[in-house]
C-alpha atoms as a PDB file:
ATOM      1  CA  MET A   1     -90.852  18.016 -21.866  1.00  0.00           C
ATOM      2  CA  GLU A   2     -89.902  21.605 -21.198  1.00  0.00           C
ATOM      3  CA  ILE A   3     -92.105  23.443 -18.735  1.00  0.00           C
ATOM      4  CA  LEU A   4     -92.759  27.042 -19.790  1.00  0.00           C
ATOM      5  CA  LYS A   5     -92.995  29.556 -16.915  1.00  0.00           C
ATOM      6  CA  PRO A   6     -95.767  32.157 -17.014  1.00  0.00           C
ATOM      7  CA  GLN A   7     -94.511  35.490 -18.191  1.00  0.00           C
ATOM      8  CA  GLY A   8     -93.889  37.925 -15.353  1.00  0.00           C
ATOM      9  CA  LEU A   9     -95.160  41.510 -15.299  1.00  0.00           C
ATOM     10  CA  ARG A  10     -91.641  42.913 -15.772  1.00  0.00           C
ATOM     11  CA  GLU A  11     -90.953  40.710 -18.812  1.00  0.00           C
ATOM     12  CA  ARG A  12     -94.378  41.513 -20.274  1.00  0.00           C
ATOM     13  CA  LYS A  13     -93.679  45.308 -19.880  1.00  0.00           C
ATOM     14  CA  ARG A  14     -90.274  44.887 -21.447  1.00  0.00           C
ATOM     15  CA  LYS A  15     -91.772  43.038 -24.394  1.00  0.00           C
ATOM     16  CA  GLU A  16     -94.462  45.688 -24.815  1.00  0.00           C
ATOM     17  CA  LYS A  17     -91.857  48.488 -24.882  1.00  0.00           C
ATOM     18  CA  LEU A  18     -89.748  46.522 -27.329  1.00  0.00           C
ATOM     19  CA  GLU A  19     -92.734  46.097 -29.655  1.00  0.00           C
ATOM     20  CA  ARG A  20     -93.609  49.823 -29.306  1.00  0.00           C
ATOM     21  CA  ILE A  21     -90.067  50.868 -30.233  1.00  0.00           C
ATOM     22  CA  ALA A  22     -90.125  48.421 -33.207  1.00  0.00           C
ATOM     23  CA  GLN A  23     -93.432  49.844 -34.469  1.00  0.00           C
ATOM     24  CA  VAL A  24     -92.265  53.443 -34.155  1.00  0.00           C
ATOM     25  CA  GLY A  25     -89.029  52.548 -35.970  1.00  0.00           C
ATOM     26  CA  LEU A  26     -90.870  50.791 -38.797  1.00  0.00           C
ATOM     27  CA  ARG A  27     -93.222  53.761 -39.175  1.00  0.00           C
ATOM     28  CA  LEU A  28     -90.242  56.147 -39.427  1.00  0.00           C
ATOM     29  CA  PHE A  29     -88.489  53.873 -41.940  1.00  0.00           C
ATOM     30  CA  ILE A  30     -91.610  53.827 -44.109  1.00  0.00           C
ATOM     31  CA  ASP A  31     -92.224  57.570 -43.821  1.00  0.00           C
ATOM     32  CA  ASN A  32     -88.602  58.853 -44.115  1.00  0.00           C
ATOM     33  CA  GLY A  33     -86.563  55.984 -45.556  1.00  0.00           C
ATOM     34  CA  TYR A  34     -84.334  53.553 -43.743  1.00  0.00           C
ATOM     35  CA  ASP A  35     -81.027  55.457 -44.265  1.00  0.00           C
ATOM     36  CA  GLU A  36     -82.560  58.819 -43.433  1.00  0.00           C
ATOM     37  CA  THR A  37     -84.014  57.570 -40.100  1.00  0.00           C
ATOM     38  CA  THR A  38     -81.530  58.026 -37.211  1.00  0.00           C
ATOM     39  CA  LEU A  39     -81.423  56.165 -33.887  1.00  0.00           C
ATOM     40  CA  ASP A  40     -82.003  59.503 -32.171  1.00  0.00           C
ATOM     41  CA  ALA A  41     -85.169  60.060 -34.249  1.00  0.00           C
ATOM     42  CA  ILE A  42     -86.421  56.605 -33.258  1.00  0.00           C
ATOM     43  CA  ALA A  43     -85.652  57.174 -29.623  1.00  0.00           C
ATOM     44  CA  MET A  44     -87.340  60.561 -29.630  1.00  0.00           C
ATOM     45  CA  ALA A  45     -90.461  59.317 -31.360  1.00  0.00           C
ATOM     46  CA  ALA A  46     -90.677  56.378 -28.963  1.00  0.00           C
ATOM     47  CA  GLY A  47     -90.267  58.644 -25.924  1.00  0.00           C
ATOM     48  CA  ILE A  48     -87.071  57.023 -24.748  1.00  0.00           C
ATOM     49  CA  SER A  49     -83.401  57.946 -24.500  1.00  0.00           C
ATOM     50  CA  ARG A  50     -80.758  56.778 -26.924  1.00  0.00           C
ATOM     51  CA  ARG A  51     -79.254  54.757 -24.099  1.00  0.00           C
ATOM     52  CA  THR A  52     -82.616  53.040 -23.468  1.00  0.00           C
ATOM     53  CA  PHE A  53     -82.854  52.225 -27.182  1.00  0.00           C
ATOM     54  CA  PHE A  54     -79.628  50.213 -26.874  1.00  0.00           C
ATOM     55  CA  TYR A  55     -81.138  48.234 -23.981  1.00  0.00           C
ATOM     56  CA  TYR A  56     -83.715  46.855 -26.404  1.00  0.00           C
ATOM     57  CA  PHE A  57     -81.914  46.876 -29.789  1.00  0.00           C
ATOM     58  CA  LYS A  58     -78.281  46.823 -30.910  1.00  0.00           C
ATOM     59  CA  SER A  59     -78.938  48.750 -34.151  1.00  0.00           C
ATOM     60  CA  LYS A  60     -81.585  49.954 -36.614  1.00  0.00           C
ATOM     61  CA  GLU A  61     -81.228  46.636 -38.427  1.00  0.00           C
ATOM     62  CA  ASP A  62     -82.510  44.837 -35.358  1.00  0.00           C
ATOM     63  CA  ILE A  63     -85.801  46.723 -35.548  1.00  0.00           C
ATOM     64  CA  LEU A  64     -86.382  45.252 -39.011  1.00  0.00           C
ATOM     65  CA  LEU A  65     -85.288  41.820 -37.913  1.00  0.00           C
ATOM     66  CA  ALA A  66     -87.662  42.032 -34.932  1.00  0.00           C
ATOM     67  CA  HIS A  67     -90.522  42.552 -37.388  1.00  0.00           C
ATOM     68  CA  ASN A  68     -89.126  39.867 -39.640  1.00  0.00           C
ATOM     69  CA  SER A  69     -89.328  37.122 -36.990  1.00  0.00           C
ATOM     70  CA  SER A  70     -91.529  38.597 -34.222  1.00  0.00           C
ATOM     71  CA  GLY A  71     -91.432  35.722 -31.797  1.00  0.00           C
ATOM     72  CA  PHE A  72     -91.803  33.093 -34.472  1.00  0.00           C
ATOM     73  CA  MET A  73     -88.938  30.840 -33.285  1.00  0.00           C
ATOM     74  CA  GLU A  74     -90.116  30.932 -29.684  1.00  0.00           C
ATOM     75  CA  ALA A  75     -93.571  29.862 -30.824  1.00  0.00           C
ATOM     76  CA  MET A  76     -92.017  27.159 -33.020  1.00  0.00           C
ATOM     77  CA  ARG A  77     -90.005  25.748 -30.143  1.00  0.00           C
ATOM     78  CA  SER A  78     -93.073  25.612 -27.852  1.00  0.00           C
ATOM     79  CA  ALA A  79     -95.101  23.868 -30.584  1.00  0.00           C
ATOM     80  CA  ILE A  80     -92.312  21.436 -31.409  1.00  0.00           C
ATOM     81  CA  LEU A  81     -91.893  20.435 -27.764  1.00  0.00           C
ATOM     82  CA  GLU A  82     -95.655  19.728 -27.487  1.00  0.00           C
ATOM     83  CA  GLU A  83     -95.607  17.362 -30.480  1.00  0.00           C
ATOM     84  CA  SER A  84     -95.161  13.596 -30.288  1.00  0.00           C
ATOM     85  CA  SER A  85     -91.554  12.360 -30.448  1.00  0.00           C
ATOM     86  CA  ASP A  86     -92.691   9.415 -32.560  1.00  0.00           C
ATOM     87  CA  ALA A  87     -93.131  11.643 -35.594  1.00  0.00           C
ATOM     88  CA  SER A  88     -90.196  12.598 -37.822  1.00  0.00           C
ATOM     89  CA  PRO A  89     -88.596  16.067 -37.218  1.00  0.00           C
ATOM     90  CA  LEU A  90     -89.664  17.191 -40.731  1.00  0.00           C
ATOM     91  CA  ASP A  91     -93.289  16.180 -40.171  1.00  0.00           C
ATOM     92  CA  VAL A  92     -93.309  17.881 -36.730  1.00  0.00           C
ATOM     93  CA  ALA A  93     -91.717  21.076 -38.144  1.00  0.00           C
ATOM     94  CA  LYS A  94     -94.163  21.130 -41.085  1.00  0.00           C
ATOM     95  CA  ARG A  95     -97.187  20.882 -38.858  1.00  0.00           C
ATOM     96  CA  CYS A  96     -95.891  23.525 -36.435  1.00  0.00           C
ATOM     97  CA  MET A  97     -94.761  25.880 -39.158  1.00  0.00           C
ATOM     98  CA  LEU A  98     -98.023  25.705 -41.138  1.00  0.00           C
ATOM     99  CA  ALA A  99     -99.923  26.458 -37.939  1.00  0.00           C
ATOM    100  CA  LEU A 100     -97.823  29.538 -37.176  1.00  0.00           C
ATOM    101  CA  VAL A 101     -96.878  31.183 -40.476  1.00  0.00           C
ATOM    102  CA  SER A 102     -99.981  33.302 -40.667  1.00  0.00           C
ATOM    103  CA  GLN A 103     -98.234  35.865 -38.459  1.00  0.00           C
ATOM    104  CA  TYR A 104     -95.997  36.657 -41.449  1.00  0.00           C
ATOM    105  CA  GLU A 105     -99.024  37.411 -43.648  1.00  0.00           C
ATOM    106  CA  THR A 106     -99.222  41.113 -42.968  1.00  0.00           C
ATOM    107  CA  LYS A 107     -98.621  44.285 -45.018  1.00  0.00           C
ATOM    108  CA  ASP A 108     -95.866  45.168 -42.564  1.00  0.00           C
ATOM    109  CA  SER A 109     -94.093  41.904 -43.419  1.00  0.00           C
ATOM    110  CA  ILE A 110     -93.960  42.843 -47.096  1.00  0.00           C
ATOM    111  CA  VAL A 111     -92.729  46.375 -46.267  1.00  0.00           C
ATOM    112  CA  VAL A 112     -90.042  44.985 -43.912  1.00  0.00           C
ATOM    113  CA  ASP A 113     -88.915  42.561 -46.604  1.00  0.00           C
ATOM    114  CA  GLN A 114     -88.610  45.447 -49.141  1.00  0.00           C
ATOM    115  CA  LEU A 115     -86.575  47.412 -46.593  1.00  0.00           C
ATOM    116  CA  LEU A 116     -84.348  44.429 -45.860  1.00  0.00           C
ATOM    117  CA  ARG A 117     -83.648  44.054 -49.586  1.00  0.00           C
ATOM    118  CA  SER A 118     -82.978  47.799 -50.135  1.00  0.00           C
ATOM    119  CA  THR A 119     -79.221  47.726 -49.391  1.00  0.00           C
ATOM    120  CA  GLU A 120     -76.529  45.082 -49.622  1.00  0.00           C
ATOM    121  CA  ALA A 121     -75.740  45.332 -45.886  1.00  0.00           C
ATOM    122  CA  LEU A 122     -79.370  44.695 -44.988  1.00  0.00           C
ATOM    123  CA  ARG A 123     -79.636  41.813 -47.455  1.00  0.00           C
ATOM    124  CA  MET A 124     -76.590  40.188 -45.823  1.00  0.00           C
ATOM    125  CA  ARG A 125     -78.049  40.787 -42.318  1.00  0.00           C
ATOM    126  CA  LYS A 126     -81.304  39.230 -43.422  1.00  0.00           C
ATOM    127  CA  GLN A 127     -79.466  36.137 -44.575  1.00  0.00           C
ATOM    128  CA  SER A 128     -77.497  35.890 -41.360  1.00  0.00           C
ATOM    129  CA  HIS A 129     -80.780  36.218 -39.430  1.00  0.00           C
ATOM    130  CA  PHE A 130     -82.130  33.138 -41.208  1.00  0.00           C
ATOM    131  CA  ILE A 131     -78.995  31.252 -40.140  1.00  0.00           C
ATOM    132  CA  GLU A 132     -79.609  32.335 -36.567  1.00  0.00           C
ATOM    133  CA  MET A 133     -83.226  31.067 -36.876  1.00  0.00           C
ATOM    134  CA  GLU A 134     -81.866  27.777 -38.244  1.00  0.00           C
ATOM    135  CA  ASP A 135     -79.650  27.441 -35.168  1.00  0.00           C
ATOM    136  CA  GLU A 136     -82.606  28.075 -32.930  1.00  0.00           C
ATOM    137  CA  LEU A 137     -84.604  25.419 -34.771  1.00  0.00           C
ATOM    138  CA  ALA A 138     -81.761  22.921 -34.493  1.00  0.00           C
ATOM    139  CA  GLU A 139     -81.591  23.571 -30.724  1.00  0.00           C
ATOM    140  CA  SER A 140     -85.385  22.911 -30.487  1.00  0.00           C
ATOM    141  CA  PHE A 141     -84.883  19.582 -32.321  1.00  0.00           C
ATOM    142  CA  TYR A 142     -82.034  18.659 -29.969  1.00  0.00           C
ATOM    143  CA  ALA A 143     -84.331  19.337 -26.975  1.00  0.00           C
ATOM    144  CA  LYS A 144     -87.097  17.280 -28.545  1.00  0.00           C
ATOM    145  CA  TRP A 145     -84.970  14.362 -29.697  1.00  0.00           C
ATOM    146  CA  PRO A 146     -81.978  14.235 -27.362  1.00  0.00           C
ATOM    147  CA  GLY A 147     -79.033  12.067 -28.153  1.00  0.00           C
ATOM    148  CA  VAL A 148     -75.661  13.076 -29.650  1.00  0.00           C
ATOM    149  CA  GLU A 149     -75.977  10.412 -32.354  1.00  0.00           C
ATOM    150  CA  ARG A 150     -78.976  12.281 -33.920  1.00  0.00           C
ATOM    151  CA  ARG A 151     -77.463  15.736 -33.912  1.00  0.00           C
ATOM    152  CA  LYS A 152     -76.119  15.632 -37.471  1.00  0.00           C
ATOM    153  CA  SER A 153     -79.426  14.494 -38.964  1.00  0.00           C
ATOM    154  CA  LEU A 154     -81.375  16.973 -36.856  1.00  0.00           C
ATOM    155  CA  ARG A 155     -79.124  19.846 -38.005  1.00  0.00           C
ATOM    156  CA  ILE A 156     -79.716  18.863 -41.618  1.00  0.00           C
ATOM    157  CA  ALA A 157     -83.444  18.720 -40.922  1.00  0.00           C
ATOM    158  CA  ALA A 158     -83.307  22.266 -39.480  1.00  0.00           C
ATOM    159  CA  MET A 159     -81.557  23.443 -42.622  1.00  0.00           C
ATOM    160  CA  LEU A 160     -84.203  21.881 -44.863  1.00  0.00           C
ATOM    161  CA  VAL A 161     -86.994  23.346 -42.791  1.00  0.00           C
ATOM    162  CA  MET A 162     -85.542  26.857 -42.874  1.00  0.00           C
ATOM    163  CA  GLY A 163     -85.063  26.506 -46.595  1.00  0.00           C
ATOM    164  CA  THR A 164     -88.748  25.727 -47.063  1.00  0.00           C
ATOM    165  CA  LEU A 165     -89.544  28.860 -45.061  1.00  0.00           C
ATOM    166  CA  ARG A 166     -87.164  31.137 -46.918  1.00  0.00           C
ATOM    167  CA  LEU A 167     -88.272  30.025 -50.351  1.00  0.00           C
ATOM    168  CA  GLY A 168     -91.911  30.107 -49.298  1.00  0.00           C
ATOM    169  CA  LEU A 169     -91.552  33.698 -48.008  1.00  0.00           C
ATOM    170  CA  GLU A 170     -89.740  34.779 -51.191  1.00  0.00           C
ATOM    171  CA  ARG A 171     -92.436  33.385 -53.457  1.00  0.00           C
ATOM    172  CA  TRP A 172     -95.256  34.712 -51.244  1.00  0.00           C
ATOM    173  CA  ARG A 173     -93.773  38.180 -51.226  1.00  0.00           C
ATOM    174  CA  GLU A 174     -93.105  38.096 -54.986  1.00  0.00           C
ATOM    175  CA  LYS A 175     -96.797  37.450 -55.401  1.00  0.00           C
ATOM    176  CA  GLU A 176     -97.487  40.349 -52.984  1.00  0.00           C
ATOM    177  CA  GLY A 177     -99.344  38.089 -50.602  1.00  0.00           C
ATOM    178  CA  LYS A 178    -101.970  37.026 -53.126  1.00  0.00           C
ATOM    179  CA  SER A 179    -101.587  33.338 -52.304  1.00  0.00           C
ATOM    180  CA  PRO A 180    -101.535  31.909 -48.768  1.00  0.00           C
ATOM    181  CA  LEU A 181     -98.076  31.620 -47.301  1.00  0.00           C
ATOM    182  CA  ALA A 182     -98.969  28.242 -45.846  1.00  0.00           C
ATOM    183  CA  GLU A 183     -99.682  26.966 -49.339  1.00  0.00           C
ATOM    184  CA  GLU A 184     -96.250  28.095 -50.585  1.00  0.00           C
ATOM    185  CA  ILE A 185     -94.496  26.460 -47.605  1.00  0.00           C
ATOM    186  CA  SER A 186     -96.521  23.241 -47.836  1.00  0.00           C
ATOM    187  CA  GLY A 187     -95.548  22.935 -51.504  1.00  0.00           C
ATOM    188  CA  ASN A 188     -91.894  23.289 -50.535  1.00  0.00           C
ATOM    189  CA  PHE A 189     -92.232  20.506 -47.969  1.00  0.00           C
ATOM    190  CA  ASP A 190     -93.848  18.378 -50.655  1.00  0.00           C
ATOM    191  CA  ALA A 191     -90.852  18.999 -52.927  1.00  0.00           C
ATOM    192  CA  VAL A 192     -88.510  17.918 -50.107  1.00  0.00           C
ATOM    193  CA  GLU A 193     -90.521  14.748 -49.651  1.00  0.00           C
ATOM    194  CA  ASP A 194     -90.523  14.025 -53.430  1.00  0.00           C
ATOM    195  CA  LEU A 195     -86.718  14.451 -53.433  1.00  0.00           C
ATOM    196  CA  ALA A 196     -86.367  11.966 -50.568  1.00  0.00           C
ATOM    197  CA  CYS A 197     -88.562   9.425 -52.410  1.00  0.00           C
ATOM    198  CA  SER A 198     -86.849   9.806 -55.822  1.00  0.00           C
END
């Protein structure tokens, strides 16, 4: 079992500043448009230098992606590691995901998704971000169920789980958040289970 260290003051302050810069950036994207918002404008509005901006983010895209995941995978990892190893990876991931997805159910989430779909470059970056999240989930599975012989099946499980999240988010945002996100994702997990039983 992984022991999580309490967050130090320095790390907490760094995280607060990162969140503040991300909020300022999102507000400027909404007010002025993504393409029209410069890094300098974000830095100025956040009260930091351009150099300091690059300490927290590599690009404007990263601000949107910070909103898109906002600590979700870290929370998933912690939740997965607390679960029983006797359950299947899919069951564990389903329980953890359904307990955590409410953080996506915000108006900001819908706005960020619209921005991420506004250009081809952003759409591609969004897709690569899901692959990064899938890698993180696979690593969490490897930590929970160590053993090289299970890695292939755990990797496939991570792909399935992220697929349920992606499709659930798409359907939830298409409905403009009018149905619970957990309901969409749960239905996707049911479809995976049905496929396994057919």
